[in-house]
Amino acid sequence: MARSALLNVMVNAVTKAGRPLARDFGEIENLQVSLRGPADFVMAADRKAGQALIAELTKARPGYGFLTKDRGALAGTDETHRWIVDPLAGATNFLHGIPVFGVSLALEREGQIVAAVLFNPVTNDLYVTERGTGVFLNDRRLRVAGRSALADAVVATGIPHLGTPDHAGAIRKMQGVMIEVAGMRASGSPAFELASVAAGRLDGFWQEGLQPWDIAAGALFVREAGGKSTDLWGGERMIDTRTICAGNEKIQGRLLAALTNARG
């Protein structure tokens, strides 16, 4: 695919930030058996990737602001544009030596996500999209799966864990979906699960308690692949409500209905 100048800037930034993550990932196995453990190492890798991203993007678009996982909101002189950044999407996977992680980057223009990139430096998978142009994985255009029945669908969500609010409610929703679908999965990274919906590998995805950088890129991937993304009430306030439900139009609607019924 021919990339715009904007996408070239974004791809350059995520690859520069991501390459060192791949090298650092190679050290994780050794650190797993150390007394100190790998957590500090992972935090340092996350911080370095974030610094590299901000430096590259500031050089290319000096007035744009940022919303980042580690530094919060950073205002820019251009109030209409903001980068939404996760320098290490799937950090827990990285920490445990699971190669489902990467650099997630989205551009918000006047409150609307207009471009997004996701890069896994271990597999070299690169997802790119710009609003209205489709979504591509390594230059191959993606489309959501065509299944229409939940009984044929494989869907994903985040498994409740330590720190998850309302475990009972989350489990109730999972149970409500379990009895309707062919299978359920959990990769540990909302960004990559949404990318998998866009690629047609997963039929649907939902989760609550997310951050803007978990949602921004993936929601646009799904929409540009011909799918639908909403909050858990069927609206557009995914970032405000910190929730998302995604899939092709039929699966998304049926998944949303199953979640609503389970909520009671």
C-alpha atoms as a PDB file:
ATOM      1  CA  MET A   1       0.000   0.000   0.000  1.00  0.00           C
ATOM      2  CA  ALA A   2       1.088   3.578  -0.615  1.00  0.00           C
ATOM      3  CA  ARG A   3       1.339   5.368   2.721  1.00  0.00           C
ATOM      4  CA  SER A   4       0.595   9.011   3.397  1.00  0.00           C
ATOM      5  CA  ALA A   5       3.195  11.287   4.941  1.00  0.00           C
ATOM      6  CA  LEU A   6       1.336  10.986   8.249  1.00  0.00           C
ATOM      7  CA  LEU A   7       1.446   7.186   8.255  1.00  0.00           C
ATOM      8  CA  ASN A   8       5.121   7.250   7.318  1.00  0.00           C
ATOM      9  CA  VAL A   9       5.786   9.395  10.392  1.00  0.00           C
ATOM     10  CA  MET A  10       3.820   7.004  12.591  1.00  0.00           C
ATOM     11  CA  VAL A  11       5.405   3.834  11.198  1.00  0.00           C
ATOM     12  CA  ASN A  12       8.884   5.301  11.574  1.00  0.00           C
ATOM     13  CA  ALA A  13       8.154   6.198  15.200  1.00  0.00           C
ATOM     14  CA  VAL A  14       6.759   2.809  16.252  1.00  0.00           C
ATOM     15  CA  THR A  15       9.511   0.834  14.540  1.00  0.00           C
ATOM     16  CA  LYS A  16      12.237   2.944  16.163  1.00  0.00           C
ATOM     17  CA  ALA A  17      10.585   2.488  19.548  1.00  0.00           C
ATOM     18  CA  GLY A  18       9.840  -1.189  18.963  1.00  0.00           C
ATOM     19  CA  ARG A  19      13.188  -2.562  17.782  1.00  0.00           C
ATOM     20  CA  PRO A  20      14.856  -2.152  21.195  1.00  0.00           C
ATOM     21  CA  LEU A  21      11.851  -3.877  22.798  1.00  0.00           C
ATOM     22  CA  ALA A  22      12.582  -6.970  20.712  1.00  0.00           C
ATOM     23  CA  ARG A  23      16.171  -6.988  21.961  1.00  0.00           C
ATOM     24  CA  ASP A  24      15.044  -6.457  25.550  1.00  0.00           C
ATOM     25  CA  PHE A  25      12.506  -9.266  25.193  1.00  0.00           C
ATOM     26  CA  GLY A  26      15.376 -11.632  24.493  1.00  0.00           C
ATOM     27  CA  GLU A  27      16.704 -10.926  27.999  1.00  0.00           C
ATOM     28  CA  ILE A  28      13.450 -11.697  29.787  1.00  0.00           C
ATOM     29  CA  GLU A  29      14.005 -15.459  29.965  1.00  0.00           C
ATOM     30  CA  ASN A  30      17.297 -14.989  31.816  1.00  0.00           C
ATOM     31  CA  LEU A  31      15.729 -12.506  34.208  1.00  0.00           C
ATOM     32  CA  GLN A  32      12.832 -14.822  35.079  1.00  0.00           C
ATOM     33  CA  VAL A  33      15.141 -16.883  37.316  1.00  0.00           C
ATOM     34  CA  SER A  34      16.944 -13.961  38.951  1.00  0.00           C
ATOM     35  CA  LEU A  35      16.233 -12.920  42.543  1.00  0.00           C
ATOM     36  CA  ARG A  36      15.520  -9.363  41.478  1.00  0.00           C
ATOM     37  CA  GLY A  37      13.081 -10.424  38.813  1.00  0.00           C
ATOM     38  CA  PRO A  38      12.304  -8.729  35.514  1.00  0.00           C
ATOM     39  CA  ALA A  39       9.753  -6.110  36.641  1.00  0.00           C
ATOM     40  CA  ASP A  40      12.255  -3.235  36.923  1.00  0.00           C
ATOM     41  CA  PHE A  41      13.753  -4.226  33.584  1.00  0.00           C
ATOM     42  CA  VAL A  42      10.326  -4.126  31.935  1.00  0.00           C
ATOM     43  CA  MET A  43       9.566  -0.703  33.415  1.00  0.00           C
ATOM     44  CA  ALA A  44      12.847   0.583  32.010  1.00  0.00           C
ATOM     45  CA  ALA A  45      12.093  -0.911  28.580  1.00  0.00           C
ATOM     46  CA  ASP A  46       8.629   0.685  28.619  1.00  0.00           C
ATOM     47  CA  ARG A  47      10.112   4.055  29.586  1.00  0.00           C
ATOM     48  CA  LYS A  48      12.784   3.923  26.867  1.00  0.00           C
ATOM     49  CA  ALA A  49      10.220   3.043  24.218  1.00  0.00           C
ATOM     50  CA  GLY A  50       8.006   5.916  25.353  1.00  0.00           C
ATOM     51  CA  GLN A  51      10.876   8.379  25.222  1.00  0.00           C
ATOM     52  CA  ALA A  52      11.807   7.231  21.715  1.00  0.00           C
ATOM     53  CA  LEU A  53       8.214   7.577  20.517  1.00  0.00           C
ATOM     54  CA  ILE A  54       7.775  11.059  21.936  1.00  0.00           C
ATOM     55  CA  ALA A  55      11.109  12.214  20.529  1.00  0.00           C
ATOM     56  CA  GLU A  56      10.355  10.950  17.008  1.00  0.00           C
ATOM     57  CA  LEU A  57       6.807  12.284  16.935  1.00  0.00           C
ATOM     58  CA  THR A  58       7.774  15.668  18.375  1.00  0.00           C
ATOM     59  CA  LYS A  59      10.466  16.025  15.745  1.00  0.00           C
ATOM     60  CA  ALA A  60       8.000  15.264  12.938  1.00  0.00           C
ATOM     61  CA  ARG A  61       4.943  17.109  14.324  1.00  0.00           C
ATOM     62  CA  PRO A  62       6.298  19.543  16.935  1.00  0.00           C
ATOM     63  CA  GLY A  63       3.004  21.116  17.983  1.00  0.00           C
ATOM     64  CA  TYR A  64       0.994  17.982  18.703  1.00  0.00           C
ATOM     65  CA  GLY A  65       0.099  16.978  22.253  1.00  0.00           C
ATOM     66  CA  PHE A  66       0.283  13.526  23.823  1.00  0.00           C
ATOM     67  CA  LEU A  67      -1.753  11.210  25.999  1.00  0.00           C
ATOM     68  CA  THR A  68       0.562   8.484  27.274  1.00  0.00           C
ATOM     69  CA  LYS A  69       0.388   5.580  29.699  1.00  0.00           C
ATOM     70  CA  ASP A  70       3.438   6.609  31.706  1.00  0.00           C
ATOM     71  CA  ARG A  71       3.319  10.417  31.538  1.00  0.00           C
ATOM     72  CA  GLY A  72      -0.369  11.233  31.257  1.00  0.00           C
ATOM     73  CA  ALA A  73      -1.516  14.224  29.192  1.00  0.00           C
ATOM     74  CA  LEU A  74       1.140  16.481  27.659  1.00  0.00           C
ATOM     75  CA  ALA A  75      -0.293  19.611  26.050  1.00  0.00           C
ATOM     76  CA  GLY A  76       0.943  20.829  22.676  1.00  0.00           C
ATOM     77  CA  THR A  77       0.660  24.164  20.926  1.00  0.00           C
ATOM     78  CA  ASP A  78      -1.698  22.578  18.373  1.00  0.00           C
ATOM     79  CA  GLU A  79      -4.849  21.937  20.401  1.00  0.00           C
ATOM     80  CA  THR A  80      -6.571  20.071  17.548  1.00  0.00           C
ATOM     81  CA  HIS A  81      -4.125  17.143  17.420  1.00  0.00           C
ATOM     82  CA  ARG A  82      -3.071  14.650  20.056  1.00  0.00           C
ATOM     83  CA  TRP A  83      -1.079  11.421  19.921  1.00  0.00           C
ATOM     84  CA  ILE A  84      -2.476   8.571  22.050  1.00  0.00           C
ATOM     85  CA  VAL A  85       0.470   6.362  22.920  1.00  0.00           C
ATOM     86  CA  ASP A  86       1.106   2.990  24.532  1.00  0.00           C
ATOM     87  CA  PRO A  87       4.828   2.265  24.132  1.00  0.00           C
ATOM     88  CA  LEU A  88       4.401  -1.262  25.515  1.00  0.00           C
ATOM     89  CA  ALA A  89       0.930  -2.613  24.852  1.00  0.00           C
ATOM     90  CA  GLY A  90       0.780  -6.031  26.481  1.00  0.00           C
ATOM     91  CA  ALA A  91       3.336  -5.194  29.176  1.00  0.00           C
ATOM     92  CA  THR A  92       2.319  -8.146  31.367  1.00  0.00           C
ATOM     93  CA  ASN A  93       2.833 -10.483  28.414  1.00  0.00           C
ATOM     94  CA  PHE A  94       6.278  -8.958  27.877  1.00  0.00           C
ATOM     95  CA  LEU A  95       7.057  -9.428  31.570  1.00  0.00           C
ATOM     96  CA  HIS A  96       6.201 -13.135  31.377  1.00  0.00           C
ATOM     97  CA  GLY A  97       7.949 -13.870  28.090  1.00  0.00           C
ATOM     98  CA  ILE A  98       4.767 -14.064  26.005  1.00  0.00           C
ATOM     99  CA  PRO A  99       5.377 -12.538  22.541  1.00  0.00           C
ATOM    100  CA  VAL A 100       2.035 -10.714  22.267  1.00  0.00           C
ATOM    101  CA  PHE A 101       3.064  -7.114  22.862  1.00  0.00           C
ATOM    102  CA  GLY A 102       4.123  -4.069  20.926  1.00  0.00           C
ATOM    103  CA  VAL A 103       3.871  -0.349  20.321  1.00  0.00           C
ATOM    104  CA  SER A 104       0.428   1.201  19.858  1.00  0.00           C
ATOM    105  CA  LEU A 105      -0.060   4.686  18.432  1.00  0.00           C
ATOM    106  CA  ALA A 106      -3.162   6.614  17.383  1.00  0.00           C
ATOM    107  CA  LEU A 107      -3.712  10.196  16.254  1.00  0.00           C
ATOM    108  CA  GLU A 108      -6.717  12.109  17.536  1.00  0.00           C
ATOM    109  CA  ARG A 109      -7.828  15.118  15.480  1.00  0.00           C
ATOM    110  CA  GLU A 110     -10.494  17.355  16.996  1.00  0.00           C
ATOM    111  CA  GLY A 111     -11.683  14.500  19.192  1.00  0.00           C
ATOM    112  CA  GLN A 112     -11.799  11.881  16.432  1.00  0.00           C
ATOM    113  CA  ILE A 113      -9.267   9.069  15.896  1.00  0.00           C
ATOM    114  CA  VAL A 114      -8.026   9.474  12.326  1.00  0.00           C
ATOM    115  CA  ALA A 115      -4.990   7.181  12.069  1.00  0.00           C
ATOM    116  CA  ALA A 116      -3.485   4.270  13.976  1.00  0.00           C
ATOM    117  CA  VAL A 117      -0.484   1.944  13.937  1.00  0.00           C
ATOM    118  CA  LEU A 118       0.324  -1.186  15.980  1.00  0.00           C
ATOM    119  CA  PHE A 119       3.711  -2.929  15.757  1.00  0.00           C
ATOM    120  CA  ASN A 120       4.834  -6.254  17.235  1.00  0.00           C
ATOM    121  CA  PRO A 121       8.644  -6.183  17.032  1.00  0.00           C
ATOM    122  CA  VAL A 122       8.988  -9.940  17.628  1.00  0.00           C
ATOM    123  CA  THR A 123       6.758 -11.052  14.747  1.00  0.00           C
ATOM    124  CA  ASN A 124       7.279  -7.847  12.705  1.00  0.00           C
ATOM    125  CA  ASP A 125       3.513  -7.591  12.304  1.00  0.00           C
ATOM    126  CA  LEU A 126       2.603  -4.006  11.440  1.00  0.00           C
ATOM    127  CA  TYR A 127      -1.036  -2.880  11.403  1.00  0.00           C
ATOM    128  CA  VAL A 128      -1.717   0.509   9.838  1.00  0.00           C
ATOM    129  CA  THR A 129      -4.810   2.515   9.045  1.00  0.00           C
ATOM    130  CA  GLU A 130      -5.930   6.008   8.188  1.00  0.00           C
ATOM    131  CA  ARG A 131      -9.610   6.877   8.372  1.00  0.00           C
ATOM    132  CA  GLY A 132     -11.360   6.080   5.103  1.00  0.00           C
ATOM    133  CA  THR A 133      -8.516   4.057   3.573  1.00  0.00           C
ATOM    134  CA  GLY A 134      -8.930   0.582   5.102  1.00  0.00           C
ATOM    135  CA  VAL A 135      -6.645  -1.270   7.498  1.00  0.00           C
ATOM    136  CA  PHE A 136      -3.580  -3.257   6.464  1.00  0.00           C
ATOM    137  CA  LEU A 137      -1.369  -5.897   8.066  1.00  0.00           C
ATOM    138  CA  ASN A 138       2.057  -5.941   6.409  1.00  0.00           C
ATOM    139  CA  ASP A 139       0.490  -4.379   3.286  1.00  0.00           C
ATOM    140  CA  ARG A 140      -2.365  -6.939   3.136  1.00  0.00           C
ATOM    141  CA  ARG A 141      -5.815  -5.417   3.437  1.00  0.00           C
ATOM    142  CA  LEU A 142      -7.892  -6.802   6.300  1.00  0.00           C
ATOM    143  CA  ARG A 143     -11.598  -7.531   6.616  1.00  0.00           C
ATOM    144  CA  VAL A 144     -13.617  -8.656   9.602  1.00  0.00           C
ATOM    145  CA  ALA A 145     -14.919 -12.232   9.567  1.00  0.00           C
ATOM    146  CA  GLY A 146     -18.275 -12.878   7.941  1.00  0.00           C
ATOM    147  CA  ARG A 147     -19.896 -15.081  10.571  1.00  0.00           C
ATOM    148  CA  SER A 148     -23.308 -13.946  11.735  1.00  0.00           C
ATOM    149  CA  ALA A 149     -24.281 -16.351  14.542  1.00  0.00           C
ATOM    150  CA  LEU A 150     -22.780 -16.229  18.016  1.00  0.00           C
ATOM    151  CA  ALA A 151     -22.932 -20.036  18.035  1.00  0.00           C
ATOM    152  CA  ASP A 152     -20.236 -20.025  15.322  1.00  0.00           C
ATOM    153  CA  ALA A 153     -18.179 -17.203  16.814  1.00  0.00           C
ATOM    154  CA  VAL A 154     -14.926 -17.128  18.751  1.00  0.00           C
ATOM    155  CA  VAL A 155     -14.738 -14.006  20.905  1.00  0.00           C
ATOM    156  CA  ALA A 156     -12.214 -12.544  23.324  1.00  0.00           C
ATOM    157  CA  THR A 157     -12.218 -10.516  26.498  1.00  0.00           C
ATOM    158  CA  GLY A 158      -9.989  -9.642  29.409  1.00  0.00           C
ATOM    159  CA  ILE A 159     -10.087 -12.123  32.293  1.00  0.00           C
ATOM    160  CA  PRO A 160     -10.846 -10.489  35.682  1.00  0.00           C
ATOM    161  CA  HIS A 161      -7.780 -10.382  37.926  1.00  0.00           C
ATOM    162  CA  LEU A 162      -6.277  -8.627  40.930  1.00  0.00           C
ATOM    163  CA  GLY A 163      -7.328  -4.987  40.794  1.00  0.00           C
ATOM    164  CA  THR A 164     -10.305  -5.585  38.497  1.00  0.00           C
ATOM    165  CA  PRO A 165     -13.386  -3.869  39.965  1.00  0.00           C
ATOM    166  CA  ASP A 166     -16.628  -5.819  40.311  1.00  0.00           C
ATOM    167  CA  HIS A 167     -15.337  -9.339  39.759  1.00  0.00           C
ATOM    168  CA  ALA A 168     -18.834 -10.741  40.187  1.00  0.00           C
ATOM    169  CA  GLY A 169     -20.263  -8.496  37.477  1.00  0.00           C
ATOM    170  CA  ALA A 170     -17.417  -9.273  35.069  1.00  0.00           C
ATOM    171  CA  ILE A 171     -17.805 -13.013  35.608  1.00  0.00           C
ATOM    172  CA  ARG A 172     -21.574 -12.750  35.172  1.00  0.00           C
ATOM    173  CA  LYS A 173     -21.054 -11.123  31.760  1.00  0.00           C
ATOM    174  CA  MET A 174     -18.510 -13.788  30.782  1.00  0.00           C
ATOM    175  CA  GLN A 175     -20.959 -16.526  31.745  1.00  0.00           C
ATOM    176  CA  GLY A 176     -23.697 -14.834  29.734  1.00  0.00           C
ATOM    177  CA  VAL A 177     -21.493 -14.871  26.652  1.00  0.00           C
ATOM    178  CA  MET A 178     -19.951 -18.334  27.238  1.00  0.00           C
ATOM    179  CA  ILE A 179     -23.279 -20.091  26.777  1.00  0.00           C
ATOM    180  CA  GLU A 180     -23.818 -18.339  23.426  1.00  0.00           C
ATOM    181  CA  VAL A 181     -20.483 -18.692  21.597  1.00  0.00           C
ATOM    182  CA  ALA A 182     -18.289 -21.388  20.026  1.00  0.00           C
ATOM    183  CA  GLY A 183     -15.226 -20.346  22.003  1.00  0.00           C
ATOM    184  CA  MET A 184     -13.565 -17.675  24.102  1.00  0.00           C
ATOM    185  CA  ARG A 185      -9.984 -16.441  24.123  1.00  0.00           C
ATOM    186  CA  ALA A 186      -7.840 -13.983  26.094  1.00  0.00           C
ATOM    187  CA  SER A 187      -4.454 -12.815  24.796  1.00  0.00           C
ATOM    188  CA  GLY A 188      -3.761 -10.244  27.506  1.00  0.00           C
ATOM    189  CA  SER A 189      -3.670  -7.253  25.149  1.00  0.00           C
ATOM    190  CA  PRO A 190      -6.828  -5.369  24.103  1.00  0.00           C
ATOM    191  CA  ALA A 191      -4.905  -3.650  21.299  1.00  0.00           C
ATOM    192  CA  PHE A 192      -3.921  -6.948  19.706  1.00  0.00           C
ATOM    193  CA  GLU A 193      -7.313  -8.554  20.295  1.00  0.00           C
ATOM    194  CA  LEU A 194      -9.005  -5.682  18.466  1.00  0.00           C
ATOM    195  CA  ALA A 195      -6.437  -6.052  15.674  1.00  0.00           C
ATOM    196  CA  SER A 196      -7.348  -9.751  15.524  1.00  0.00           C
ATOM    197  CA  VAL A 197     -11.017  -8.833  15.132  1.00  0.00           C
ATOM    198  CA  ALA A 198     -10.043  -6.564  12.240  1.00  0.00           C
ATOM    199  CA  ALA A 199      -8.033  -9.431  10.710  1.00  0.00           C
ATOM    200  CA  GLY A 200     -10.959 -11.865  10.964  1.00  0.00           C
ATOM    201  CA  ARG A 201      -9.163 -14.167  13.404  1.00  0.00           C
ATOM    202  CA  LEU A 202     -11.565 -13.295  16.206  1.00  0.00           C
ATOM    203  CA  ASP A 203     -15.237 -12.625  15.625  1.00  0.00           C
ATOM    204  CA  GLY A 204     -15.741 -10.271  18.545  1.00  0.00           C
ATOM    205  CA  PHE A 205     -14.189  -8.615  21.563  1.00  0.00           C
ATOM    206  CA  TRP A 206     -15.445  -6.776  24.619  1.00  0.00           C
ATOM    207  CA  GLN A 207     -13.869  -5.395  27.740  1.00  0.00           C
ATOM    208  CA  GLU A 208     -14.426  -2.890  30.536  1.00  0.00           C
ATOM    209  CA  GLY A 209     -12.027  -0.807  32.599  1.00  0.00           C
ATOM    210  CA  LEU A 210      -9.818   0.118  29.658  1.00  0.00           C
ATOM    211  CA  GLN A 211      -7.648   3.181  29.131  1.00  0.00           C
ATOM    212  CA  PRO A 212      -7.737   5.415  26.019  1.00  0.00           C
ATOM    213  CA  TRP A 213      -4.505   3.873  24.685  1.00  0.00           C
ATOM    214  CA  ASP A 214      -6.077   0.398  24.951  1.00  0.00           C
ATOM    215  CA  ILE A 215      -8.986   1.410  22.729  1.00  0.00           C
ATOM    216  CA  ALA A 216      -7.947   4.165  20.325  1.00  0.00           C
ATOM    217  CA  ALA A 217      -5.995   2.250  17.670  1.00  0.00           C
ATOM    218  CA  GLY A 218      -7.979  -0.981  17.787  1.00  0.00           C
ATOM    219  CA  ALA A 219     -11.403   0.629  17.486  1.00  0.00           C
ATOM    220  CA  LEU A 220     -10.320   2.317  14.256  1.00  0.00           C
ATOM    221  CA  PHE A 221      -8.798  -0.936  12.944  1.00  0.00           C
ATOM    222  CA  VAL A 222     -12.127  -2.711  13.395  1.00  0.00           C
ATOM    223  CA  ARG A 223     -14.137   0.031  11.729  1.00  0.00           C
ATOM    224  CA  GLU A 224     -11.753   0.308   8.785  1.00  0.00           C
ATOM    225  CA  ALA A 225     -11.985  -3.481   8.347  1.00  0.00           C
ATOM    226  CA  GLY A 226     -15.749  -3.171   7.899  1.00  0.00           C
ATOM    227  CA  GLY A 227     -16.709  -3.888  11.504  1.00  0.00           C
ATOM    228  CA  LYS A 228     -18.371  -1.966  14.285  1.00  0.00           C
ATOM    229  CA  SER A 229     -17.068  -0.724  17.638  1.00  0.00           C
ATOM    230  CA  THR A 230     -19.204   0.842  20.363  1.00  0.00           C
ATOM    231  CA  ASP A 231     -19.187   1.233  24.112  1.00  0.00           C
ATOM    232  CA  LEU A 232     -21.135  -1.345  26.149  1.00  0.00           C
ATOM    233  CA  TRP A 233     -24.292   0.757  25.854  1.00  0.00           C
ATOM    234  CA  GLY A 234     -24.117   0.872  22.055  1.00  0.00           C
ATOM    235  CA  GLY A 235     -22.849   4.453  21.919  1.00  0.00           C
ATOM    236  CA  GLU A 236     -19.716   6.211  20.745  1.00  0.00           C
ATOM    237  CA  ARG A 237     -18.285   7.035  24.186  1.00  0.00           C
ATOM    238  CA  MET A 238     -15.738   4.223  24.291  1.00  0.00           C
ATOM    239  CA  ILE A 239     -12.906   6.311  25.685  1.00  0.00           C
ATOM    240  CA  ASP A 240     -15.142   8.129  28.195  1.00  0.00           C
ATOM    241  CA  THR A 241     -16.803   4.931  29.470  1.00  0.00           C
ATOM    242  CA  ARG A 242     -13.582   2.880  29.217  1.00  0.00           C
ATOM    243  CA  THR A 243     -15.545   0.079  27.523  1.00  0.00           C
ATOM    244  CA  ILE A 244     -15.686  -1.464  24.068  1.00  0.00           C
ATOM    245  CA  CYS A 245     -17.650  -4.087  22.162  1.00  0.00           C
ATOM    246  CA  ALA A 246     -16.417  -4.872  18.648  1.00  0.00           C
ATOM    247  CA  GLY A 247     -17.050  -7.274  15.772  1.00  0.00           C
ATOM    248  CA  ASN A 248     -18.748  -7.375  12.414  1.00  0.00           C
ATOM    249  CA  GLU A 249     -22.106  -5.634  12.511  1.00  0.00           C
ATOM    250  CA  LYS A 250     -24.195  -8.742  13.250  1.00  0.00           C
ATOM    251  CA  ILE A 251     -21.841 -10.316  15.793  1.00  0.00           C
ATOM    252  CA  GLN A 252     -21.261  -6.990  17.524  1.00  0.00           C
ATOM    253  CA  GLY A 253     -24.986  -6.424  17.940  1.00  0.00           C
ATOM    254  CA  ARG A 254     -25.593  -9.935  19.223  1.00  0.00           C
ATOM    255  CA  LEU A 255     -22.612  -9.819  21.561  1.00  0.00           C
ATOM    256  CA  LEU A 256     -23.817  -6.496  22.916  1.00  0.00           C
ATOM    257  CA  ALA A 257     -27.285  -7.978  23.490  1.00  0.00           C
ATOM    258  CA  ALA A 258     -25.809 -10.964  25.360  1.00  0.00           C
ATOM    259  CA  LEU A 259     -23.810  -8.616  27.578  1.00  0.00           C
ATOM    260  CA  THR A 260     -26.853  -6.436  28.240  1.00  0.00           C
ATOM    261  CA  ASN A 261     -28.924  -9.488  29.198  1.00  0.00           C
ATOM    262  CA  ALA A 262     -26.171 -10.715  31.515  1.00  0.00           C
ATOM    263  CA  ARG A 263     -25.948  -7.310  33.173  1.00  0.00           C
ATOM    264  CA  GLY A 264     -29.630  -7.568  34.067  1.00  0.00           C
END
